[in-house]
Amino acid sequence: MKSLQDALYNWLTIKVVCDARPDDVAAKETREFFEEMLTAQHQVSNINITTDAVMYYLSYEQGDETKKVRYPRELIEIMLDQINKEPEKYEDYPFED
């Protein structure tokens, strides 16, 4: 994924799912994938998230700079909303030992 904006968006979307579903193994693995991409490909660190009724705000470090982006809540929470509406389609299957 070449776009930092897309990587941050995807990471935040799946992070919201992970926070709501801490036992969801697939969501956790996907979040870790995007975290690695942000770190390795885009040199992003120290992401801080704040929210209000309308937006998610991210601040992060990239090199020596602190940068900020924002995303509408409705776009970030769309995946979680879909999971909550049809949970039978998003059953978590834990690893088998």
C-alpha atoms as a PDB file:
ATOM      1  CA  MET A   1       0.000   0.000   0.000  1.00  0.00           C
ATOM      2  CA  LYS A   2       1.704   3.125  -1.210  1.00  0.00           C
ATOM      3  CA  SER A   3      -0.529   5.744   0.346  1.00  0.00           C
ATOM      4  CA  LEU A   4       0.099   6.648   3.965  1.00  0.00           C
ATOM      5  CA  GLN A   5      -3.434   8.064   4.118  1.00  0.00           C
ATOM      6  CA  ASP A   6      -4.893   4.682   3.083  1.00  0.00           C
ATOM      7  CA  ALA A   7      -2.695   2.766   5.510  1.00  0.00           C
ATOM      8  CA  LEU A   8      -3.726   5.005   8.414  1.00  0.00           C
ATOM      9  CA  TYR A   9      -7.396   4.717   7.434  1.00  0.00           C
ATOM     10  CA  ASN A  10      -7.244   0.917   7.216  1.00  0.00           C
ATOM     11  CA  TRP A  11      -5.293   0.632  10.466  1.00  0.00           C
ATOM     12  CA  LEU A  12      -7.745   2.861  12.346  1.00  0.00           C
ATOM     13  CA  THR A  13     -10.771   1.025  10.937  1.00  0.00           C
ATOM     14  CA  ILE A  14      -9.489  -2.364  12.075  1.00  0.00           C
ATOM     15  CA  LYS A  15      -8.226  -0.950  15.389  1.00  0.00           C
ATOM     16  CA  VAL A  16     -11.775   0.177  16.188  1.00  0.00           C
ATOM     17  CA  VAL A  17     -12.958  -3.385  15.476  1.00  0.00           C
ATOM     18  CA  CYS A  18     -10.168  -4.840  17.654  1.00  0.00           C
ATOM     19  CA  ASP A  19     -11.016  -2.530  20.529  1.00  0.00           C
ATOM     20  CA  ALA A  20     -14.663  -3.612  20.372  1.00  0.00           C
ATOM     21  CA  ARG A  21     -13.826  -7.308  19.816  1.00  0.00           C
ATOM     22  CA  PRO A  22     -10.626  -8.074  21.761  1.00  0.00           C
ATOM     23  CA  ASP A  23     -10.942 -11.841  21.158  1.00  0.00           C
ATOM     24  CA  ASP A  24     -11.223 -11.489  17.362  1.00  0.00           C
ATOM     25  CA  VAL A  25      -8.036 -13.157  16.123  1.00  0.00           C
ATOM     26  CA  ALA A  26      -8.475 -12.154  12.477  1.00  0.00           C
ATOM     27  CA  ALA A  27      -8.997  -8.515  13.399  1.00  0.00           C
ATOM     28  CA  LYS A  28      -5.914  -8.576  15.629  1.00  0.00           C
ATOM     29  CA  GLU A  29      -3.768 -10.077  12.866  1.00  0.00           C
ATOM     30  CA  THR A  30      -5.036  -7.501  10.388  1.00  0.00           C
ATOM     31  CA  ARG A  31      -4.315  -4.648  12.798  1.00  0.00           C
ATOM     32  CA  GLU A  32      -0.786  -5.991  13.316  1.00  0.00           C
ATOM     33  CA  PHE A  33      -0.305  -6.169   9.532  1.00  0.00           C
ATOM     34  CA  PHE A  34      -1.190  -2.495   9.149  1.00  0.00           C
ATOM     35  CA  GLU A  35       0.916  -1.517  12.171  1.00  0.00           C
ATOM     36  CA  GLU A  36       3.921  -3.195  10.538  1.00  0.00           C
ATOM     37  CA  MET A  37       3.185  -1.421   7.269  1.00  0.00           C
ATOM     38  CA  LEU A  38       2.949   1.944   9.014  1.00  0.00           C
ATOM     39  CA  THR A  39       6.226   1.344  10.795  1.00  0.00           C
ATOM     40  CA  ALA A  40       8.272  -0.291   8.026  1.00  0.00           C
ATOM     41  CA  GLN A  41       6.942   1.395   4.890  1.00  0.00           C
ATOM     42  CA  HIS A  42       5.985   4.806   6.205  1.00  0.00           C
ATOM     43  CA  GLN A  43       8.196   5.226   9.315  1.00  0.00           C
ATOM     44  CA  VAL A  44       5.174   6.174  11.453  1.00  0.00           C
ATOM     45  CA  SER A  45       5.390   5.988  15.236  1.00  0.00           C
ATOM     46  CA  ASN A  46       3.626   7.224  18.361  1.00  0.00           C
ATOM     47  CA  ILE A  47       0.091   7.347  16.968  1.00  0.00           C
ATOM     48  CA  ASN A  48      -2.342   9.139  19.261  1.00  0.00           C
ATOM     49  CA  ILE A  49      -6.104   8.941  18.700  1.00  0.00           C
ATOM     50  CA  THR A  50      -8.739  11.373  19.929  1.00  0.00           C
ATOM     51  CA  THR A  51     -12.399  11.550  18.966  1.00  0.00           C
ATOM     52  CA  ASP A  52     -15.399  13.755  19.147  1.00  0.00           C
ATOM     53  CA  ALA A  53     -18.976  13.169  18.046  1.00  0.00           C
ATOM     54  CA  VAL A  54     -18.077  13.541  14.360  1.00  0.00           C
ATOM     55  CA  MET A  55     -14.398  12.762  13.775  1.00  0.00           C
ATOM     56  CA  TYR A  56     -11.388  10.651  14.686  1.00  0.00           C
ATOM     57  CA  TYR A  57      -8.191  12.678  14.973  1.00  0.00           C
ATOM     58  CA  LEU A  58      -4.770  11.057  14.650  1.00  0.00           C
ATOM     59  CA  SER A  59      -1.473  12.628  15.466  1.00  0.00           C
ATOM     60  CA  TYR A  60       1.691  10.695  14.720  1.00  0.00           C
ATOM     61  CA  GLU A  61       5.393  11.074  14.254  1.00  0.00           C
ATOM     62  CA  GLN A  62       7.069  10.530  10.936  1.00  0.00           C
ATOM     63  CA  GLY A  63      10.760  11.162  11.133  1.00  0.00           C
ATOM     64  CA  ASP A  64      11.289  14.406  13.012  1.00  0.00           C
ATOM     65  CA  GLU A  65       7.812  15.724  12.223  1.00  0.00           C
ATOM     66  CA  THR A  66       4.525  15.435  14.075  1.00  0.00           C
ATOM     67  CA  LYS A  67       1.640  15.201  11.643  1.00  0.00           C
ATOM     68  CA  LYS A  68      -2.130  15.145  11.982  1.00  0.00           C
ATOM     69  CA  VAL A  69      -5.016  13.669  10.011  1.00  0.00           C
ATOM     70  CA  ARG A  70      -8.719  13.276  10.638  1.00  0.00           C
ATOM     71  CA  TYR A  71     -11.398  10.878   9.484  1.00  0.00           C
ATOM     72  CA  PRO A  72     -15.193  10.980   9.797  1.00  0.00           C
ATOM     73  CA  ARG A  73     -16.503   8.532  12.398  1.00  0.00           C
ATOM     74  CA  GLU A  74     -19.061   7.115   9.980  1.00  0.00           C
ATOM     75  CA  LEU A  75     -16.281   6.001   7.597  1.00  0.00           C
ATOM     76  CA  ILE A  76     -14.079   4.533  10.326  1.00  0.00           C
ATOM     77  CA  GLU A  77     -16.880   2.718  12.134  1.00  0.00           C
ATOM     78  CA  ILE A  78     -18.534   1.263   9.033  1.00  0.00           C
ATOM     79  CA  MET A  79     -16.856  -2.137   9.410  1.00  0.00           C
ATOM     80  CA  LEU A  80     -17.747  -2.421  13.097  1.00  0.00           C
ATOM     81  CA  ASP A  81     -21.319  -1.352  12.338  1.00  0.00           C
ATOM     82  CA  GLN A  82     -21.591  -4.075   9.688  1.00  0.00           C
ATOM     83  CA  ILE A  83     -20.212  -6.700  12.075  1.00  0.00           C
ATOM     84  CA  ASN A  84     -22.673  -5.643  14.748  1.00  0.00           C
ATOM     85  CA  LYS A  85     -25.610  -5.757  12.318  1.00  0.00           C
ATOM     86  CA  GLU A  86     -24.779  -9.262  11.059  1.00  0.00           C
ATOM     87  CA  PRO A  87     -22.598 -10.959  13.686  1.00  0.00           C
ATOM     88  CA  GLU A  88     -23.292 -14.420  12.284  1.00  0.00           C
ATOM     89  CA  LYS A  89     -21.264 -13.468   9.191  1.00  0.00           C
ATOM     90  CA  TYR A  90     -18.267 -12.434  11.280  1.00  0.00           C
ATOM     91  CA  GLU A  91     -17.830 -15.282  13.731  1.00  0.00           C
ATOM     92  CA  ASP A  92     -14.379 -15.483  15.267  1.00  0.00           C
ATOM     93  CA  TYR A  93     -12.519 -18.739  14.759  1.00  0.00           C
ATOM     94  CA  PRO A  94      -9.675 -19.041  17.252  1.00  0.00           C
ATOM     95  CA  PHE A  95      -6.459 -20.850  16.454  1.00  0.00           C
ATOM     96  CA  GLU A  96      -6.392 -24.556  17.057  1.00  0.00           C
ATOM     97  CA  ASP A  97      -3.344 -25.970  18.846  1.00  0.00           C
END
